[in-house]
């Protein structure tokens, strides 16, 4: 299928599809006239990519793990392991953000919030 049809079917722009191709998320064949030709499997793959992005995975992570997952004997188990890793990253980031929030709260309303010694008073 041509790029316009794929874009319409998955709700992405042509530029997004070209970018996905540039970073290795998507592949196409070139027709003799130079047009891109995408396989039917591109539709469910791009739906997977969009879902993974909504779940917090970067395009780099998707590109890295996509091939790995497609070859995994138990995809559900492999995905669950990736999700557990992502949850750990999120938990760490949440703790960092909570500490940052606490420090900002301590410093706000002081004479000079950027100087720790005055903020501690």
PDB file of N, CA and C in Angstrom:
ATOM      1  N   UNK A   1       0.844  -1.176   0.000  1.00  0.00           N
ATOM      2  CA  UNK A   1       0.000   0.000   0.000  1.00  0.00           C
ATOM      3  C   UNK A   1       0.889   1.238   0.000  1.00  0.00           C
ATOM      4  N   UNK A   2       0.383   2.298  -0.563  1.00  0.00           N
ATOM      5  CA  UNK A   2       1.144   3.532  -0.656  1.00  0.00           C
ATOM      6  C   UNK A   2       1.071   4.312   0.648  1.00  0.00           C
ATOM      7  N   UNK A   3       1.938   5.277   0.791  1.00  0.00           N
ATOM      8  CA  UNK A   3       2.093   6.004   2.046  1.00  0.00           C
ATOM      9  C   UNK A   3       0.810   6.714   2.472  1.00  0.00           C
ATOM     10  N   UNK A   4       0.081   7.289   1.527  1.00  0.00           N
ATOM     11  CA  UNK A   4      -1.153   7.987   1.864  1.00  0.00           C
ATOM     12  C   UNK A   4      -2.203   7.057   2.442  1.00  0.00           C
ATOM     13  N   UNK A   5      -2.315   5.865   1.872  1.00  0.00           N
ATOM     14  CA  UNK A   5      -3.280   4.885   2.378  1.00  0.00           C
ATOM     15  C   UNK A   5      -2.880   4.412   3.771  1.00  0.00           C
ATOM     16  N   UNK A   6      -1.603   4.122   3.962  1.00  0.00           N
ATOM     17  CA  UNK A   6      -1.142   3.692   5.281  1.00  0.00           C
ATOM     18  C   UNK A   6      -1.370   4.792   6.312  1.00  0.00           C
ATOM     19  N   UNK A   7      -1.042   6.020   5.956  1.00  0.00           N
ATOM     20  CA  UNK A   7      -1.237   7.150   6.873  1.00  0.00           C
ATOM     21  C   UNK A   7      -2.697   7.245   7.292  1.00  0.00           C
ATOM     22  N   UNK A   8      -3.606   7.109   6.347  1.00  0.00           N
ATOM     23  CA  UNK A   8      -5.036   7.189   6.649  1.00  0.00           C
ATOM     24  C   UNK A   8      -5.491   6.023   7.524  1.00  0.00           C
ATOM     25  N   UNK A   9      -4.981   4.855   7.265  1.00  0.00           N
ATOM     26  CA  UNK A   9      -5.411   3.662   8.020  1.00  0.00           C
ATOM     27  C   UNK A   9      -4.933   3.673   9.469  1.00  0.00           C
ATOM     28  N   UNK A  10      -3.776   4.279   9.729  1.00  0.00           N
ATOM     29  CA  UNK A  10      -3.240   4.252  11.099  1.00  0.00           C
ATOM     30  C   UNK A  10      -3.335   5.605  11.811  1.00  0.00           C
ATOM     31  N   UNK A  11      -3.811   6.617  11.107  1.00  0.00           N
ATOM     32  CA  UNK A  11      -3.993   7.922  11.738  1.00  0.00           C
ATOM     33  C   UNK A  11      -2.700   8.671  12.000  1.00  0.00           C
ATOM     34  N   UNK A  12      -1.730   8.472  11.149  1.00  0.00           N
ATOM     35  CA  UNK A  12      -0.458   9.192  11.265  1.00  0.00           C
ATOM     36  C   UNK A  12      -0.246  10.028  10.003  1.00  0.00           C
ATOM     37  N   UNK A  13       0.609  11.012  10.112  1.00  0.00           N
ATOM     38  CA  UNK A  13       0.920  11.815   8.934  1.00  0.00           C
ATOM     39  C   UNK A  13       1.953  11.089   8.067  1.00  0.00           C
ATOM     40  N   UNK A  14       2.041  11.506   6.836  1.00  0.00           N
ATOM     41  CA  UNK A  14       3.052  10.955   5.942  1.00  0.00           C
ATOM     42  C   UNK A  14       4.451  11.264   6.467  1.00  0.00           C
ATOM     43  N   UNK A  15       4.599  12.460   7.028  1.00  0.00           N
ATOM     44  CA  UNK A  15       5.900  12.831   7.599  1.00  0.00           C
ATOM     45  C   UNK A  15       6.284  11.898   8.744  1.00  0.00           C
ATOM     46  N   UNK A  16       5.303  11.530   9.571  1.00  0.00           N
ATOM     47  CA  UNK A  16       5.587  10.609  10.680  1.00  0.00           C
ATOM     48  C   UNK A  16       6.044   9.257  10.135  1.00  0.00           C
ATOM     49  N   UNK A  17       5.382   8.785   9.101  1.00  0.00           N
ATOM     50  CA  UNK A  17       5.764   7.500   8.511  1.00  0.00           C
ATOM     51  C   UNK A  17       7.168   7.568   7.915  1.00  0.00           C
ATOM     52  N   UNK A  18       7.472   8.662   7.267  1.00  0.00           N
ATOM     53  CA  UNK A  18       8.826   8.824   6.719  1.00  0.00           C
ATOM     54  C   UNK A  18       9.864   8.849   7.851  1.00  0.00           C
ATOM     55  N   UNK A  19       9.512   9.537   8.942  1.00  0.00           N
ATOM     56  CA  UNK A  19      10.419   9.588  10.091  1.00  0.00           C
ATOM     57  C   UNK A  19      10.604   8.196  10.684  1.00  0.00           C
ATOM     58  N   UNK A  20       9.522   7.448  10.847  1.00  0.00           N
ATOM     59  CA  UNK A  20       9.617   6.081  11.374  1.00  0.00           C
ATOM     60  C   UNK A  20      10.532   5.230  10.495  1.00  0.00           C
ATOM     61  N   UNK A  21      10.451   5.454   9.195  1.00  0.00           N
ATOM     62  CA  UNK A  21      11.317   4.724   8.279  1.00  0.00           C
ATOM     63  C   UNK A  21      12.779   5.150   8.482  1.00  0.00           C
ATOM     64  N   UNK A  22      12.968   6.435   8.649  1.00  0.00           N
ATOM     65  CA  UNK A  22      14.329   6.977   8.825  1.00  0.00           C
ATOM     66  C   UNK A  22      15.005   6.406  10.071  1.00  0.00           C
ATOM     67  N   UNK A  23      14.239   6.219  11.154  1.00  0.00           N
ATOM     68  CA  UNK A  23      14.828   5.718  12.403  1.00  0.00           C
ATOM     69  C   UNK A  23      14.762   4.196  12.524  1.00  0.00           C
ATOM     70  N   UNK A  24      14.249   3.527  11.501  1.00  0.00           N
ATOM     71  CA  UNK A  24      14.271   2.067  11.502  1.00  0.00           C
ATOM     72  C   UNK A  24      13.066   1.397  12.122  1.00  0.00           C
ATOM     73  N   UNK A  25      11.998   2.131  12.380  1.00  0.00           N
ATOM     74  CA  UNK A  25      10.783   1.548  12.957  1.00  0.00           C
ATOM     75  C   UNK A  25       9.939   0.876  11.876  1.00  0.00           C
ATOM     76  N   UNK A  26      10.031   1.362  10.663  1.00  0.00           N
ATOM     77  CA  UNK A  26       9.179   0.934   9.574  1.00  0.00           C
ATOM     78  C   UNK A  26      10.030   0.739   8.320  1.00  0.00           C
ATOM     79  N   UNK A  27       9.638  -0.215   7.502  1.00  0.00           N
ATOM     80  CA  UNK A  27      10.350  -0.421   6.237  1.00  0.00           C
ATOM     81  C   UNK A  27       9.350  -0.444   5.089  1.00  0.00           C
ATOM     82  N   UNK A  28       9.850  -0.112   3.916  1.00  0.00           N
ATOM     83  CA  UNK A  28       9.024  -0.166   2.716  1.00  0.00           C
ATOM     84  C   UNK A  28       9.903  -0.594   1.549  1.00  0.00           C
ATOM     85  N   UNK A  29       9.251  -1.013   0.509  1.00  0.00           N
ATOM     86  CA  UNK A  29       9.925  -1.295  -0.750  1.00  0.00           C
ATOM     87  C   UNK A  29       9.711  -0.075  -1.640  1.00  0.00           C
ATOM     88  N   UNK A  30      10.614   0.133  -2.565  1.00  0.00           N
ATOM     89  CA  UNK A  30      10.441   1.220  -3.534  1.00  0.00           C
ATOM     90  C   UNK A  30       9.930   0.633  -4.839  1.00  0.00           C
ATOM     91  N   UNK A  31       8.857   1.215  -5.334  1.00  0.00           N
ATOM     92  CA  UNK A  31       8.334   0.823  -6.642  1.00  0.00           C
ATOM     93  C   UNK A  31       9.231   1.430  -7.720  1.00  0.00           C
ATOM     94  N   UNK A  32       9.117   0.939  -8.951  1.00  0.00           N
ATOM     95  CA  UNK A  32       9.924   1.515 -10.038  1.00  0.00           C
ATOM     96  C   UNK A  32       9.712   3.027 -10.225  1.00  0.00           C
ATOM     97  N   UNK A  33       8.503   3.515  -9.867  1.00  0.00           N
ATOM     98  CA  UNK A  33       8.228   4.943  -9.997  1.00  0.00           C
ATOM     99  C   UNK A  33       8.745   5.755  -8.801  1.00  0.00           C
ATOM    100  N   UNK A  34       9.389   5.077  -7.830  1.00  0.00           N
ATOM    101  CA  UNK A  34       9.954   5.754  -6.674  1.00  0.00           C
ATOM    102  C   UNK A  34       9.035   5.827  -5.469  1.00  0.00           C
ATOM    103  N   UNK A  35       7.760   5.448  -5.637  1.00  0.00           N
ATOM    104  CA  UNK A  35       6.819   5.493  -4.518  1.00  0.00           C
ATOM    105  C   UNK A  35       7.151   4.395  -3.509  1.00  0.00           C
ATOM    106  N   UNK A  36       6.879   4.697  -2.257  1.00  0.00           N
ATOM    107  CA  UNK A  36       7.046   3.690  -1.206  1.00  0.00           C
ATOM    108  C   UNK A  36       5.865   2.724  -1.264  1.00  0.00           C
ATOM    109  N   UNK A  37       6.143   1.462  -0.992  1.00  0.00           N
ATOM    110  CA  UNK A  37       5.108   0.436  -0.942  1.00  0.00           C
ATOM    111  C   UNK A  37       5.252  -0.290   0.391  1.00  0.00           C
ATOM    112  N   UNK A  38       4.224  -0.196   1.221  1.00  0.00           N
ATOM    113  CA  UNK A  38       4.256  -0.797   2.551  1.00  0.00           C
ATOM    114  C   UNK A  38       3.464  -2.103   2.568  1.00  0.00           C
ATOM    115  N   UNK A  39       3.945  -3.087   3.299  1.00  0.00           N
ATOM    116  CA  UNK A  39       3.221  -4.360   3.373  1.00  0.00           C
ATOM    117  C   UNK A  39       1.996  -4.218   4.283  1.00  0.00           C
ATOM    118  N   UNK A  40       1.010  -5.102   4.131  1.00  0.00           N
ATOM    119  CA  UNK A  40      -0.183  -5.054   4.988  1.00  0.00           C
ATOM    120  C   UNK A  40       0.156  -5.168   6.483  1.00  0.00           C
ATOM    121  N   UNK A  41       1.268  -5.851   6.799  1.00  0.00           N
ATOM    122  CA  UNK A  41       1.669  -6.027   8.203  1.00  0.00           C
ATOM    123  C   UNK A  41       2.065  -4.709   8.869  1.00  0.00           C
ATOM    124  N   UNK A  42       2.263  -3.672   8.065  1.00  0.00           N
ATOM    125  CA  UNK A  42       2.648  -2.373   8.631  1.00  0.00           C
ATOM    126  C   UNK A  42       1.534  -1.796   9.502  1.00  0.00           C
ATOM    127  N   UNK A  43       0.276  -2.103   9.185  1.00  0.00           N
ATOM    128  CA  UNK A  43      -0.848  -1.546   9.952  1.00  0.00           C
ATOM    129  C   UNK A  43      -0.820  -2.040  11.403  1.00  0.00           C
ATOM    130  N   UNK A  44      -0.852  -3.359  11.667  1.00  0.00           N
ATOM    131  CA  UNK A  44      -0.819  -3.787  13.076  1.00  0.00           C
ATOM    132  C   UNK A  44       0.488  -3.403  13.768  1.00  0.00           C
ATOM    133  N   UNK A  45       1.597  -3.387  13.020  1.00  0.00           N
ATOM    134  CA  UNK A  45       2.879  -2.990  13.622  1.00  0.00           C
ATOM    135  C   UNK A  45       2.815  -1.548  14.109  1.00  0.00           C
ATOM    136  N   UNK A  46       2.282  -0.648  13.291  1.00  0.00           N
ATOM    137  CA  UNK A  46       2.199   0.753  13.693  1.00  0.00           C
ATOM    138  C   UNK A  46       1.204   0.954  14.830  1.00  0.00           C
ATOM    139  N   UNK A  47       0.161   0.142  14.878  1.00  0.00           N
ATOM    140  CA  UNK A  47      -0.761   0.201  16.019  1.00  0.00           C
ATOM    141  C   UNK A  47      -0.030  -0.220  17.291  1.00  0.00           C
ATOM    142  N   UNK A  48       0.810  -1.232  17.185  1.00  0.00           N
ATOM    143  CA  UNK A  48       1.641  -1.666  18.313  1.00  0.00           C
ATOM    144  C   UNK A  48       2.584  -0.537  18.734  1.00  0.00           C
ATOM    145  N   UNK A  49       3.227   0.099  17.758  1.00  0.00           N
ATOM    146  CA  UNK A  49       4.167   1.191  18.046  1.00  0.00           C
ATOM    147  C   UNK A  49       3.459   2.311  18.796  1.00  0.00           C
ATOM    148  N   UNK A  50       2.289   2.695  18.339  1.00  0.00           N
ATOM    149  CA  UNK A  50       1.550   3.783  18.994  1.00  0.00           C
ATOM    150  C   UNK A  50       1.136   3.397  20.411  1.00  0.00           C
ATOM    151  N   UNK A  51       0.730   2.153  20.609  1.00  0.00           N
ATOM    152  CA  UNK A  51       0.377   1.689  21.952  1.00  0.00           C
ATOM    153  C   UNK A  51       1.604   1.714  22.858  1.00  0.00           C
ATOM    154  N   UNK A  52       2.723   1.230  22.347  1.00  0.00           N
ATOM    155  CA  UNK A  52       3.964   1.225  23.140  1.00  0.00           C
ATOM    156  C   UNK A  52       4.366   2.647  23.516  1.00  0.00           C
ATOM    157  N   UNK A  53       4.197   3.592  22.599  1.00  0.00           N
ATOM    158  CA  UNK A  53       4.520   4.983  22.915  1.00  0.00           C
ATOM    159  C   UNK A  53       3.607   5.508  24.017  1.00  0.00           C
ATOM    160  N   UNK A  54       2.320   5.193  23.944  1.00  0.00           N
ATOM    161  CA  UNK A  54       1.387   5.629  24.998  1.00  0.00           C
ATOM    162  C   UNK A  54       1.764   5.026  26.350  1.00  0.00           C
ATOM    163  N   UNK A  55       2.393   3.854  26.334  1.00  0.00           N
ATOM    164  CA  UNK A  55       2.810   3.195  27.571  1.00  0.00           C
ATOM    165  C   UNK A  55       4.176   3.687  28.064  1.00  0.00           C
ATOM    166  N   UNK A  56       4.737   4.674  27.377  1.00  0.00           N
ATOM    167  CA  UNK A  56       5.965   5.292  27.851  1.00  0.00           C
ATOM    168  C   UNK A  56       7.247   4.807  27.207  1.00  0.00           C
ATOM    169  N   UNK A  57       7.154   3.978  26.181  1.00  0.00           N
ATOM    170  CA  UNK A  57       8.347   3.500  25.514  1.00  0.00           C
ATOM    171  C   UNK A  57       8.753   4.486  24.427  1.00  0.00           C
ATOM    172  N   UNK A  58      10.025   4.758  24.349  1.00  0.00           N
ATOM    173  CA  UNK A  58      10.542   5.662  23.309  1.00  0.00           C
ATOM    174  C   UNK A  58      10.644   4.913  21.991  1.00  0.00           C
ATOM    175  N   UNK A  59      10.775   5.664  20.914  1.00  0.00           N
ATOM    176  CA  UNK A  59      10.954   5.024  19.610  1.00  0.00           C
ATOM    177  C   UNK A  59      12.231   4.201  19.579  1.00  0.00           C
ATOM    178  N   UNK A  60      13.267   4.674  20.249  1.00  0.00           N
ATOM    179  CA  UNK A  60      14.521   3.913  20.304  1.00  0.00           C
ATOM    180  C   UNK A  60      14.297   2.569  21.003  1.00  0.00           C
ATOM    181  N   UNK A  61      13.544   2.590  22.103  1.00  0.00           N
ATOM    182  CA  UNK A  61      13.255   1.333  22.806  1.00  0.00           C
ATOM    183  C   UNK A  61      12.414   0.404  21.937  1.00  0.00           C
ATOM    184  N   UNK A  62      11.448   0.977  21.240  1.00  0.00           N
ATOM    185  CA  UNK A  62      10.582   0.171  20.378  1.00  0.00           C
ATOM    186  C   UNK A  62      11.402  -0.460  19.255  1.00  0.00           C
ATOM    187  N   UNK A  63      12.253   0.339  18.643  1.00  0.00           N
ATOM    188  CA  UNK A  63      13.103  -0.178  17.561  1.00  0.00           C
ATOM    189  C   UNK A  63      14.025  -1.266  18.083  1.00  0.00           C
ATOM    190  N   UNK A  64      14.595  -1.043  19.255  1.00  0.00           N
ATOM    191  CA  UNK A  64      15.534  -2.008  19.830  1.00  0.00           C
ATOM    192  C   UNK A  64      14.837  -3.320  20.185  1.00  0.00           C
ATOM    193  N   UNK A  65      13.669  -3.223  20.801  1.00  0.00           N
ATOM    194  CA  UNK A  65      12.995  -4.421  21.302  1.00  0.00           C
ATOM    195  C   UNK A  65      12.043  -5.057  20.294  1.00  0.00           C
ATOM    196  N   UNK A  66      11.700  -4.335  19.238  1.00  0.00           N
ATOM    197  CA  UNK A  66      10.740  -4.861  18.268  1.00  0.00           C
ATOM    198  C   UNK A  66      11.174  -6.168  17.645  1.00  0.00           C
ATOM    199  N   UNK A  67      12.377  -6.209  17.145  1.00  0.00           N
ATOM    200  CA  UNK A  67      12.902  -7.430  16.525  1.00  0.00           C
ATOM    201  C   UNK A  67      13.041  -8.530  17.566  1.00  0.00           C
ATOM    202  N   UNK A  68      13.549  -8.142  18.726  1.00  0.00           N
ATOM    203  CA  UNK A  68      13.738  -9.092  19.821  1.00  0.00           C
ATOM    204  C   UNK A  68      12.408  -9.741  20.204  1.00  0.00           C
ATOM    205  N   UNK A  69      11.354  -8.931  20.297  1.00  0.00           N
ATOM    206  CA  UNK A  69      10.046  -9.455  20.685  1.00  0.00           C
ATOM    207  C   UNK A  69       9.447 -10.348  19.605  1.00  0.00           C
ATOM    208  N   UNK A  70       9.664  -9.975  18.360  1.00  0.00           N
ATOM    209  CA  UNK A  70       9.080 -10.769  17.281  1.00  0.00           C
ATOM    210  C   UNK A  70       9.700 -12.161  17.215  1.00  0.00           C
ATOM    211  N   UNK A  71      10.922 -12.297  17.733  1.00  0.00           N
ATOM    212  CA  UNK A  71      11.598 -13.591  17.711  1.00  0.00           C
ATOM    213  C   UNK A  71      11.488 -14.351  19.037  1.00  0.00           C
ATOM    214  N   UNK A  72      10.893 -13.738  20.056  1.00  0.00           N
ATOM    215  CA  UNK A  72      10.790 -14.381  21.372  1.00  0.00           C
ATOM    216  C   UNK A  72       9.832 -15.565  21.308  1.00  0.00           C
ATOM    217  N   UNK A  73      10.216 -16.684  21.937  1.00  0.00           N
ATOM    218  CA  UNK A  73       9.328 -17.850  21.922  1.00  0.00           C
ATOM    219  C   UNK A  73       8.023 -17.583  22.668  1.00  0.00           C
ATOM    220  N   UNK A  74       8.084 -16.776  23.723  1.00  0.00           N
ATOM    221  CA  UNK A  74       6.880 -16.422  24.480  1.00  0.00           C
ATOM    222  C   UNK A  74       6.808 -14.898  24.538  1.00  0.00           C
ATOM    223  N   UNK A  75       6.069 -14.310  23.605  1.00  0.00           N
ATOM    224  CA  UNK A  75       6.008 -12.858  23.510  1.00  0.00           C
ATOM    225  C   UNK A  75       5.372 -12.230  24.743  1.00  0.00           C
ATOM    226  N   UNK A  76       4.372 -12.888  25.315  1.00  0.00           N
ATOM    227  CA  UNK A  76       3.718 -12.338  26.501  1.00  0.00           C
ATOM    228  C   UNK A  76       4.712 -12.240  27.655  1.00  0.00           C
ATOM    229  N   UNK A  77       5.522 -13.259  27.820  1.00  0.00           N
ATOM    230  CA  UNK A  77       6.523 -13.249  28.885  1.00  0.00           C
ATOM    231  C   UNK A  77       7.583 -12.169  28.628  1.00  0.00           C
ATOM    232  N   UNK A  78       8.013 -12.051  27.374  1.00  0.00           N
ATOM    233  CA  UNK A  78       9.008 -11.041  27.021  1.00  0.00           C
ATOM    234  C   UNK A  78       8.461  -9.632  27.234  1.00  0.00           C
ATOM    235  N   UNK A  79       7.204  -9.405  26.844  1.00  0.00           N
ATOM    236  CA  UNK A  79       6.580  -8.096  27.069  1.00  0.00           C
ATOM    237  C   UNK A  79       6.423  -7.807  28.553  1.00  0.00           C
ATOM    238  N   UNK A  80       6.032  -8.805  29.311  1.00  0.00           N
ATOM    239  CA  UNK A  80       5.882  -8.616  30.759  1.00  0.00           C
ATOM    240  C   UNK A  80       7.204  -8.217  31.402  1.00  0.00           C
ATOM    241  N   UNK A  81       8.297  -8.806  30.943  1.00  0.00           N
ATOM    242  CA  UNK A  81       9.621  -8.438  31.464  1.00  0.00           C
ATOM    243  C   UNK A  81       9.960  -6.997  31.105  1.00  0.00           C
ATOM    244  N   UNK A  82       9.656  -6.589  29.875  1.00  0.00           N
ATOM    245  CA  UNK A  82       9.889  -5.196  29.478  1.00  0.00           C
ATOM    246  C   UNK A  82       9.043  -4.240  30.311  1.00  0.00           C
ATOM    247  N   UNK A  83       7.790  -4.609  30.555  1.00  0.00           N
ATOM    248  CA  UNK A  83       6.914  -3.764  31.370  1.00  0.00           C
ATOM    249  C   UNK A  83       7.447  -3.647  32.793  1.00  0.00           C
ATOM    250  N   UNK A  84       7.938  -4.746  33.348  1.00  0.00           N
ATOM    251  CA  UNK A  84       8.500  -4.704  34.703  1.00  0.00           C
ATOM    252  C   UNK A  84       9.698  -3.765  34.752  1.00  0.00           C
ATOM    253  N   UNK A  85      10.538  -3.822  33.737  1.00  0.00           N
ATOM    254  CA  UNK A  85      11.679  -2.907  33.673  1.00  0.00           C
ATOM    255  C   UNK A  85      11.213  -1.463  33.586  1.00  0.00           C
ATOM    256  N   UNK A  86      10.196  -1.200  32.768  1.00  0.00           N
ATOM    257  CA  UNK A  86       9.680   0.165  32.610  1.00  0.00           C
ATOM    258  C   UNK A  86       9.069   0.656  33.919  1.00  0.00           C
ATOM    259  N   UNK A  87       8.367  -0.213  34.621  1.00  0.00           N
ATOM    260  CA  UNK A  87       7.782   0.155  35.913  1.00  0.00           C
ATOM    261  C   UNK A  87       8.874   0.546  36.898  1.00  0.00           C
ATOM    262  N   UNK A  88       9.975  -0.186  36.893  1.00  0.00           N
ATOM    263  CA  UNK A  88      11.107   0.140  37.763  1.00  0.00           C
ATOM    264  C   UNK A  88      11.673   1.523  37.436  1.00  0.00           C
ATOM    265  N   UNK A  89      11.796   1.824  36.158  1.00  0.00           N
ATOM    266  CA  UNK A  89      12.291   3.147  35.733  1.00  0.00           C
ATOM    267  C   UNK A  89      11.324   4.238  36.192  1.00  0.00           C
ATOM    268  N   UNK A  90      10.037   3.986  36.035  1.00  0.00           N
ATOM    269  CA  UNK A  90       9.023   4.959  36.446  1.00  0.00           C
ATOM    270  C   UNK A  90       9.067   5.169  37.955  1.00  0.00           C
ATOM    271  N   UNK A  91       9.175   4.082  38.720  1.00  0.00           N
ATOM    272  CA  UNK A  91       9.246   4.198  40.177  1.00  0.00           C
ATOM    273  C   UNK A  91      10.447   5.029  40.607  1.00  0.00           C
ATOM    274  N   UNK A  92      11.590   4.790  39.981  1.00  0.00           N
ATOM    275  CA  UNK A  92      12.794   5.562  40.296  1.00  0.00           C
ATOM    276  C   UNK A  92      12.578   7.036  39.983  1.00  0.00           C
ATOM    277  N   UNK A  93      12.002   7.310  38.814  1.00  0.00           N
ATOM    278  CA  UNK A  93      11.761   8.703  38.405  1.00  0.00           C
ATOM    279  C   UNK A  93      10.764   9.371  39.336  1.00  0.00           C
ATOM    280  N   UNK A  94       9.745   8.651  39.769  1.00  0.00           N
ATOM    281  CA  UNK A  94       8.758   9.214  40.696  1.00  0.00           C
ATOM    282  C   UNK A  94       9.405   9.579  42.027  1.00  0.00           C
ATOM    283  N   UNK A  95      10.312   8.731  42.509  1.00  0.00           N
ATOM    284  CA  UNK A  95      11.025   9.026  43.754  1.00  0.00           C
ATOM    285  C   UNK A  95      11.902  10.266  43.589  1.00  0.00           C
ATOM    286  N   UNK A  96      12.569  10.366  42.435  1.00  0.00           N
ATOM    287  CA  UNK A  96      13.393  11.549  42.164  1.00  0.00           C
ATOM    288  C   UNK A  96      12.529  12.810  42.118  1.00  0.00           C
ATOM    289  N   UNK A  97      11.383  12.727  41.476  1.00  0.00           N
ATOM    290  CA  UNK A  97      10.496  13.883  41.385  1.00  0.00           C
ATOM    291  C   UNK A  97       9.912  14.260  42.748  1.00  0.00           C
ATOM    292  N   UNK A  98       9.615  13.263  43.576  1.00  0.00           N
ATOM    293  CA  UNK A  98       9.103  13.548  44.923  1.00  0.00           C
ATOM    294  C   UNK A  98      10.166  14.267  45.752  1.00  0.00           C
ATOM    295  N   UNK A  99      11.419  13.829  45.630  1.00  0.00           N
ATOM    296  CA  UNK A  99      12.506  14.490  46.353  1.00  0.00           C
ATOM    297  C   UNK A  99      12.693  15.913  45.846  1.00  0.00           C
ATOM    298  N   UNK A 100      12.620  16.114  44.540  1.00  0.00           N
ATOM    299  CA  UNK A 100      12.743  17.447  43.968  1.00  0.00           C
ATOM    300  C   UNK A 100      11.603  18.341  44.443  1.00  0.00           C
ATOM    301  N   UNK A 101      10.401  17.814  44.468  1.00  0.00           N
ATOM    302  CA  UNK A 101       9.244  18.585  44.929  1.00  0.00           C
ATOM    303  C   UNK A 101       9.414  18.992  46.386  1.00  0.00           C
ATOM    304  N   UNK A 102       9.889  18.057  47.211  1.00  0.00           N
ATOM    305  CA  UNK A 102      10.097  18.362  48.626  1.00  0.00           C
ATOM    306  C   UNK A 102      11.137  19.468  48.785  1.00  0.00           C
ATOM    307  N   UNK A 103      12.213  19.406  48.030  1.00  0.00           N
ATOM    308  CA  UNK A 103      13.240  20.444  48.125  1.00  0.00           C
ATOM    309  C   UNK A 103      12.703  21.797  47.673  1.00  0.00           C
ATOM    310  N   UNK A 104      11.959  21.816  46.580  1.00  0.00           N
ATOM    311  CA  UNK A 104      11.374  23.070  46.108  1.00  0.00           C
ATOM    312  C   UNK A 104      10.395  23.638  47.131  1.00  0.00           C
ATOM    313  N   UNK A 105       9.612  22.772  47.755  1.00  0.00           N
ATOM    314  CA  UNK A 105       8.679  23.214  48.784  1.00  0.00           C
ATOM    315  C   UNK A 105       9.423  23.828  49.964  1.00  0.00           C
ATOM    316  N   UNK A 106      10.520  23.185  50.383  1.00  0.00           N
ATOM    317  CA  UNK A 106      11.327  23.711  51.482  1.00  0.00           C
ATOM    318  C   UNK A 106      11.917  25.075  51.154  1.00  0.00           C
ATOM    319  N   UNK A 107      12.300  25.267  49.911  1.00  0.00           N
ATOM    320  CA  UNK A 107      12.959  26.508  49.518  1.00  0.00           C
ATOM    321  C   UNK A 107      11.991  27.637  49.194  1.00  0.00           C
ATOM    322  N   UNK A 108      10.774  27.321  48.837  1.00  0.00           N
ATOM    323  CA  UNK A 108       9.843  28.379  48.454  1.00  0.00           C
ATOM    324  C   UNK A 108       9.462  29.219  49.670  1.00  0.00           C
ATOM    325  N   UNK A 109       9.295  30.500  49.419  1.00  0.00           N
ATOM    326  CA  UNK A 109       8.914  31.418  50.492  1.00  0.00           C
ATOM    327  C   UNK A 109      10.069  31.866  51.364  1.00  0.00           C
ATOM    328  N   UNK A 110      11.298  31.532  51.002  1.00  0.00           N
ATOM    329  CA  UNK A 110      12.456  31.977  51.777  1.00  0.00           C
ATOM    330  C   UNK A 110      13.009  33.253  51.154  1.00  0.00           C
ATOM    331  N   UNK A 111      13.892  33.923  51.866  1.00  0.00           N
ATOM    332  CA  UNK A 111      14.461  35.184  51.384  1.00  0.00           C
ATOM    333  C   UNK A 111      15.180  34.983  50.052  1.00  0.00           C
ATOM    334  N   UNK A 112      15.937  33.916  49.932  1.00  0.00           N
ATOM    335  CA  UNK A 112      16.654  33.632  48.687  1.00  0.00           C
ATOM    336  C   UNK A 112      16.589  32.128  48.451  1.00  0.00           C
ATOM    337  N   UNK A 113      15.569  31.663  47.703  1.00  0.00           N
ATOM    338  CA  UNK A 113      15.359  30.228  47.524  1.00  0.00           C
ATOM    339  C   UNK A 113      16.512  29.485  46.863  1.00  0.00           C
ATOM    340  N   UNK A 114      17.406  30.196  46.168  1.00  0.00           N
ATOM    341  CA  UNK A 114      18.501  29.506  45.493  1.00  0.00           C
ATOM    342  C   UNK A 114      19.676  29.233  46.416  1.00  0.00           C
ATOM    343  N   UNK A 115      19.743  29.886  47.544  1.00  0.00           N
ATOM    344  CA  UNK A 115      20.843  29.650  48.479  1.00  0.00           C
ATOM    345  C   UNK A 115      20.355  28.704  49.559  1.00  0.00           C
ATOM    346  N   UNK A 116      20.960  27.553  49.649  1.00  0.00           N
ATOM    347  CA  UNK A 116      20.518  26.516  50.558  1.00  0.00           C
ATOM    348  C   UNK A 116      20.541  26.958  52.015  1.00  0.00           C
ATOM    349  N   UNK A 117      21.605  27.661  52.429  1.00  0.00           N
ATOM    350  CA  UNK A 117      21.708  28.043  53.833  1.00  0.00           C
ATOM    351  C   UNK A 117      20.561  28.949  54.262  1.00  0.00           C
ATOM    352  N   UNK A 118      20.094  29.837  53.382  1.00  0.00           N
ATOM    353  CA  UNK A 118      18.982  30.698  53.745  1.00  0.00           C
ATOM    354  C   UNK A 118      17.650  29.955  53.630  1.00  0.00           C
ATOM    355  N   UNK A 119      17.599  28.991  52.703  1.00  0.00           N
ATOM    356  CA  UNK A 119      16.370  28.225  52.533  1.00  0.00           C
ATOM    357  C   UNK A 119      16.123  27.316  53.717  1.00  0.00           C
ATOM    358  N   UNK A 120      17.184  26.886  54.399  1.00  0.00           N
ATOM    359  CA  UNK A 120      17.054  25.954  55.509  1.00  0.00           C
ATOM    360  C   UNK A 120      16.525  26.648  56.764  1.00  0.00           C
ATOM    361  N   UNK A 121      16.592  27.965  56.808  1.00  0.00           N
ATOM    362  CA  UNK A 121      16.140  28.696  58.020  1.00  0.00           C
ATOM    363  C   UNK A 121      14.669  28.670  58.197  1.00  0.00           C
TER     364      UNK A 121
END
